[in-house]
Amino acid sequence: MKLTAHDRADLNDPAVEMWLPVASDVAVGVGQGDGNVSLHQIVDERPVRQLNTAIANQSGTIAAASAALVKSIANAR
């Protein structure tokens, strides 16, 4: 999911973010940043779940290694 203002779509723009859900509790963010890797442990998994659901709502196809996760995301649409 690309998060950006309407007129700023280039991933080279530091104001543009790209988030990729990896699992029900893991997301990877891609962007300019400072060039280093940042790890953020979360206690509340709801923001990643909300990201997964938002992406699913904009998608025609949903795939994952876990059938249960795909079902739960599809049912949340």
N, C-alpha and C. Protein backbone atom coordinates (compact mmCIF):
# COMPACT_ATOMS: atom_id res chain seq x y z
N MET A 1 0.85 -1.16 0.00
CA MET A 1 0.00 0.00 0.00
C MET A 1 0.90 1.22 0.00
N LYS A 2 0.69 2.09 -0.98
CA LYS A 2 1.46 3.32 -1.05
C LYS A 2 0.68 4.42 -0.34
N LEU A 3 1.33 5.09 0.59
CA LEU A 3 0.72 6.19 1.32
C LEU A 3 1.36 7.48 0.84
N THR A 4 0.55 8.32 0.23
CA THR A 4 1.10 9.53 -0.36
C THR A 4 0.01 10.56 -0.57
N ALA A 5 0.42 11.78 -0.70
CA ALA A 5 -0.52 12.82 -1.11
C ALA A 5 -0.85 12.60 -2.58
N HIS A 6 -1.98 13.10 -3.02
CA HIS A 6 -2.46 12.87 -4.39
C HIS A 6 -1.42 13.26 -5.45
N ASP A 7 -0.72 14.34 -5.23
CA ASP A 7 0.22 14.85 -6.23
C ASP A 7 1.66 14.39 -6.01
N ARG A 8 1.89 13.46 -5.08
CA ARG A 8 3.25 13.00 -4.79
C ARG A 8 3.26 11.47 -4.82
N ALA A 9 3.60 10.89 -5.97
CA ALA A 9 3.50 9.44 -6.14
C ALA A 9 4.86 8.76 -6.31
N ASP A 10 5.93 9.51 -6.45
CA ASP A 10 7.26 8.95 -6.72
C ASP A 10 7.87 8.41 -5.43
N LEU A 11 8.26 7.13 -5.44
CA LEU A 11 8.86 6.53 -4.24
C LEU A 11 10.20 7.18 -3.87
N ASN A 12 10.80 7.93 -4.78
CA ASN A 12 12.03 8.67 -4.45
C ASN A 12 11.73 9.91 -3.61
N ASP A 13 10.47 10.30 -3.54
CA ASP A 13 10.05 11.44 -2.73
C ASP A 13 10.02 11.00 -1.27
N PRO A 14 10.76 11.66 -0.38
CA PRO A 14 10.80 11.23 1.02
C PRO A 14 9.45 11.30 1.74
N ALA A 15 8.47 11.99 1.16
CA ALA A 15 7.15 12.06 1.77
C ALA A 15 6.28 10.86 1.43
N VAL A 16 6.76 10.01 0.51
CA VAL A 16 5.98 8.85 0.06
C VAL A 16 6.43 7.61 0.84
N GLU A 17 5.47 6.84 1.32
CA GLU A 17 5.76 5.60 2.04
C GLU A 17 5.11 4.42 1.32
N MET A 18 5.73 3.25 1.43
CA MET A 18 5.16 2.02 0.90
C MET A 18 5.19 1.01 2.03
N TRP A 19 4.04 0.41 2.34
CA TRP A 19 3.94 -0.58 3.40
C TRP A 19 3.49 -1.91 2.82
N LEU A 20 4.18 -2.96 3.18
CA LEU A 20 3.89 -4.30 2.70
C LEU A 20 3.59 -5.21 3.89
N PRO A 21 2.36 -5.71 4.01
CA PRO A 21 2.09 -6.65 5.09
C PRO A 21 2.76 -7.98 4.78
N VAL A 22 3.38 -8.57 5.77
CA VAL A 22 4.07 -9.84 5.60
C VAL A 22 3.32 -10.95 6.33
N ALA A 23 2.74 -10.62 7.45
CA ALA A 23 1.98 -11.58 8.26
C ALA A 23 0.93 -10.79 9.03
N SER A 24 0.17 -11.47 9.84
CA SER A 24 -0.87 -10.78 10.60
C SER A 24 -0.29 -9.79 11.60
N ASP A 25 0.99 -9.94 11.94
CA ASP A 25 1.61 -9.05 12.93
C ASP A 25 2.94 -8.47 12.46
N VAL A 26 3.20 -8.50 11.15
CA VAL A 26 4.46 -7.98 10.61
C VAL A 26 4.18 -7.17 9.36
N ALA A 27 4.76 -5.97 9.28
CA ALA A 27 4.67 -5.15 8.07
C ALA A 27 6.05 -4.56 7.81
N VAL A 28 6.39 -4.42 6.53
CA VAL A 28 7.67 -3.85 6.13
C VAL A 28 7.38 -2.52 5.45
N GLY A 29 8.09 -1.48 5.89
CA GLY A 29 7.92 -0.16 5.28
C GLY A 29 9.12 0.15 4.40
N VAL A 30 8.84 0.65 3.21
CA VAL A 30 9.88 1.02 2.26
C VAL A 30 9.81 2.52 2.04
N GLY A 31 10.95 3.16 2.12
CA GLY A 31 10.98 4.60 1.87
C GLY A 31 12.40 5.11 1.96
N GLN A 32 12.55 6.39 1.79
CA GLN A 32 13.88 7.01 1.80
C GLN A 32 14.56 6.87 3.16
N GLY A 33 13.94 7.42 4.19
CA GLY A 33 14.52 7.36 5.53
C GLY A 33 15.96 7.81 5.54
N ASP A 34 16.73 7.29 6.47
CA ASP A 34 18.14 7.66 6.58
C ASP A 34 19.05 6.57 6.01
N GLY A 35 18.47 5.56 5.36
CA GLY A 35 19.27 4.50 4.76
C GLY A 35 19.52 3.33 5.69
N ASN A 36 19.11 3.45 6.93
CA ASN A 36 19.30 2.37 7.89
C ASN A 36 18.00 1.59 8.08
N VAL A 37 18.11 0.41 8.65
CA VAL A 37 16.94 -0.41 8.94
C VAL A 37 16.46 -0.08 10.34
N SER A 38 15.17 0.12 10.49
CA SER A 38 14.58 0.38 11.79
C SER A 38 13.60 -0.75 12.09
N LEU A 39 13.71 -1.32 13.27
CA LEU A 39 12.78 -2.35 13.71
C LEU A 39 11.94 -1.78 14.84
N HIS A 40 10.64 -1.94 14.74
CA HIS A 40 9.73 -1.43 15.77
C HIS A 40 8.86 -2.58 16.24
N GLN A 41 9.06 -2.97 17.47
CA GLN A 41 8.21 -4.02 18.03
C GLN A 41 6.92 -3.39 18.50
N ILE A 42 5.81 -4.04 18.15
CA ILE A 42 4.51 -3.52 18.56
C ILE A 42 3.89 -4.48 19.57
N VAL A 43 3.16 -3.93 20.48
CA VAL A 43 2.45 -4.73 21.47
C VAL A 43 1.04 -4.99 20.96
N ASP A 44 0.47 -3.99 20.31
CA ASP A 44 -0.90 -4.08 19.78
C ASP A 44 -0.82 -4.39 18.29
N GLU A 45 -1.35 -5.54 17.88
CA GLU A 45 -1.28 -5.96 16.48
C GLU A 45 -2.36 -5.30 15.61
N ARG A 46 -3.26 -4.54 16.19
CA ARG A 46 -4.36 -3.96 15.43
C ARG A 46 -3.93 -3.07 14.27
N PRO A 47 -2.88 -2.24 14.40
CA PRO A 47 -2.48 -1.42 13.25
C PRO A 47 -2.07 -2.25 12.02
N VAL A 48 -1.40 -3.38 12.24
CA VAL A 48 -1.02 -4.24 11.11
C VAL A 48 -2.26 -4.90 10.54
N ARG A 49 -3.17 -5.32 11.39
CA ARG A 49 -4.43 -5.90 10.93
C ARG A 49 -5.21 -4.88 10.11
N GLN A 50 -5.26 -3.64 10.56
CA GLN A 50 -5.96 -2.58 9.84
C GLN A 50 -5.29 -2.33 8.48
N LEU A 51 -3.96 -2.39 8.43
CA LEU A 51 -3.24 -2.25 7.16
C LEU A 51 -3.61 -3.38 6.22
N ASN A 52 -3.59 -4.61 6.71
CA ASN A 52 -3.97 -5.77 5.90
C ASN A 52 -5.39 -5.62 5.36
N THR A 53 -6.31 -5.19 6.21
CA THR A 53 -7.71 -5.05 5.80
C THR A 53 -7.87 -3.92 4.78
N ALA A 54 -7.18 -2.81 4.98
CA ALA A 54 -7.26 -1.69 4.03
C ALA A 54 -6.75 -2.11 2.66
N ILE A 55 -5.65 -2.86 2.62
CA ILE A 55 -5.12 -3.34 1.35
C ILE A 55 -6.09 -4.32 0.71
N ALA A 56 -6.65 -5.22 1.50
CA ALA A 56 -7.61 -6.19 0.97
C ALA A 56 -8.83 -5.50 0.38
N ASN A 57 -9.27 -4.42 1.00
CA ASN A 57 -10.44 -3.69 0.50
C ASN A 57 -10.19 -3.07 -0.86
N GLN A 58 -8.93 -2.86 -1.21
CA GLN A 58 -8.59 -2.26 -2.50
C GLN A 58 -8.08 -3.29 -3.49
N SER A 59 -8.16 -4.56 -3.14
CA SER A 59 -7.56 -5.62 -3.95
C SER A 59 -8.61 -6.53 -4.55
N GLY A 60 -8.29 -7.10 -5.70
CA GLY A 60 -9.15 -8.10 -6.33
C GLY A 60 -8.75 -9.50 -5.96
N THR A 61 -7.50 -9.68 -5.53
CA THR A 61 -6.97 -10.99 -5.17
C THR A 61 -6.21 -10.86 -3.85
N ILE A 62 -6.41 -11.82 -2.96
CA ILE A 62 -5.70 -11.84 -1.68
C ILE A 62 -5.02 -13.20 -1.57
N ALA A 63 -3.75 -13.23 -1.23
CA ALA A 63 -3.02 -14.50 -1.09
C ALA A 63 -2.12 -14.44 0.14
N ALA A 64 -1.96 -15.59 0.77
CA ALA A 64 -1.07 -15.73 1.92
C ALA A 64 -0.80 -17.20 2.14
N ALA A 65 0.20 -17.49 2.92
CA ALA A 65 0.52 -18.88 3.24
C ALA A 65 -0.51 -19.48 4.20
N SER A 66 -1.22 -18.62 4.91
CA SER A 66 -2.20 -19.08 5.88
C SER A 66 -3.62 -18.91 5.34
N ALA A 67 -4.31 -20.03 5.12
CA ALA A 67 -5.71 -19.97 4.67
C ALA A 67 -6.57 -19.27 5.71
N ALA A 68 -6.28 -19.48 6.98
CA ALA A 68 -7.07 -18.86 8.05
C ALA A 68 -6.92 -17.34 8.00
N LEU A 69 -5.70 -16.85 7.74
CA LEU A 69 -5.48 -15.41 7.65
C LEU A 69 -6.24 -14.82 6.47
N VAL A 70 -6.17 -15.48 5.31
CA VAL A 70 -6.88 -15.00 4.12
C VAL A 70 -8.38 -14.95 4.39
N LYS A 71 -8.92 -16.00 5.02
CA LYS A 71 -10.35 -16.03 5.34
C LYS A 71 -10.73 -14.89 6.28
N SER A 72 -9.91 -14.68 7.30
CA SER A 72 -10.25 -13.65 8.28
C SER A 72 -10.17 -12.25 7.66
N ILE A 73 -9.21 -12.03 6.77
CA ILE A 73 -9.09 -10.73 6.09
C ILE A 73 -10.26 -10.57 5.11
N ALA A 74 -10.58 -11.62 4.36
CA ALA A 74 -11.68 -11.56 3.40
C ALA A 74 -13.00 -11.30 4.10
N ASN A 75 -13.20 -11.89 5.28
CA ASN A 75 -14.45 -11.71 6.02
C ASN A 75 -14.54 -10.31 6.64
N ALA A 76 -13.40 -9.64 6.81
CA ALA A 76 -13.38 -8.30 7.39
C ALA A 76 -13.67 -7.23 6.35
N ARG A 77 -13.71 -7.62 5.08
CA ARG A 77 -13.93 -6.66 3.99
C ARG A 77 -15.31 -6.10 4.01
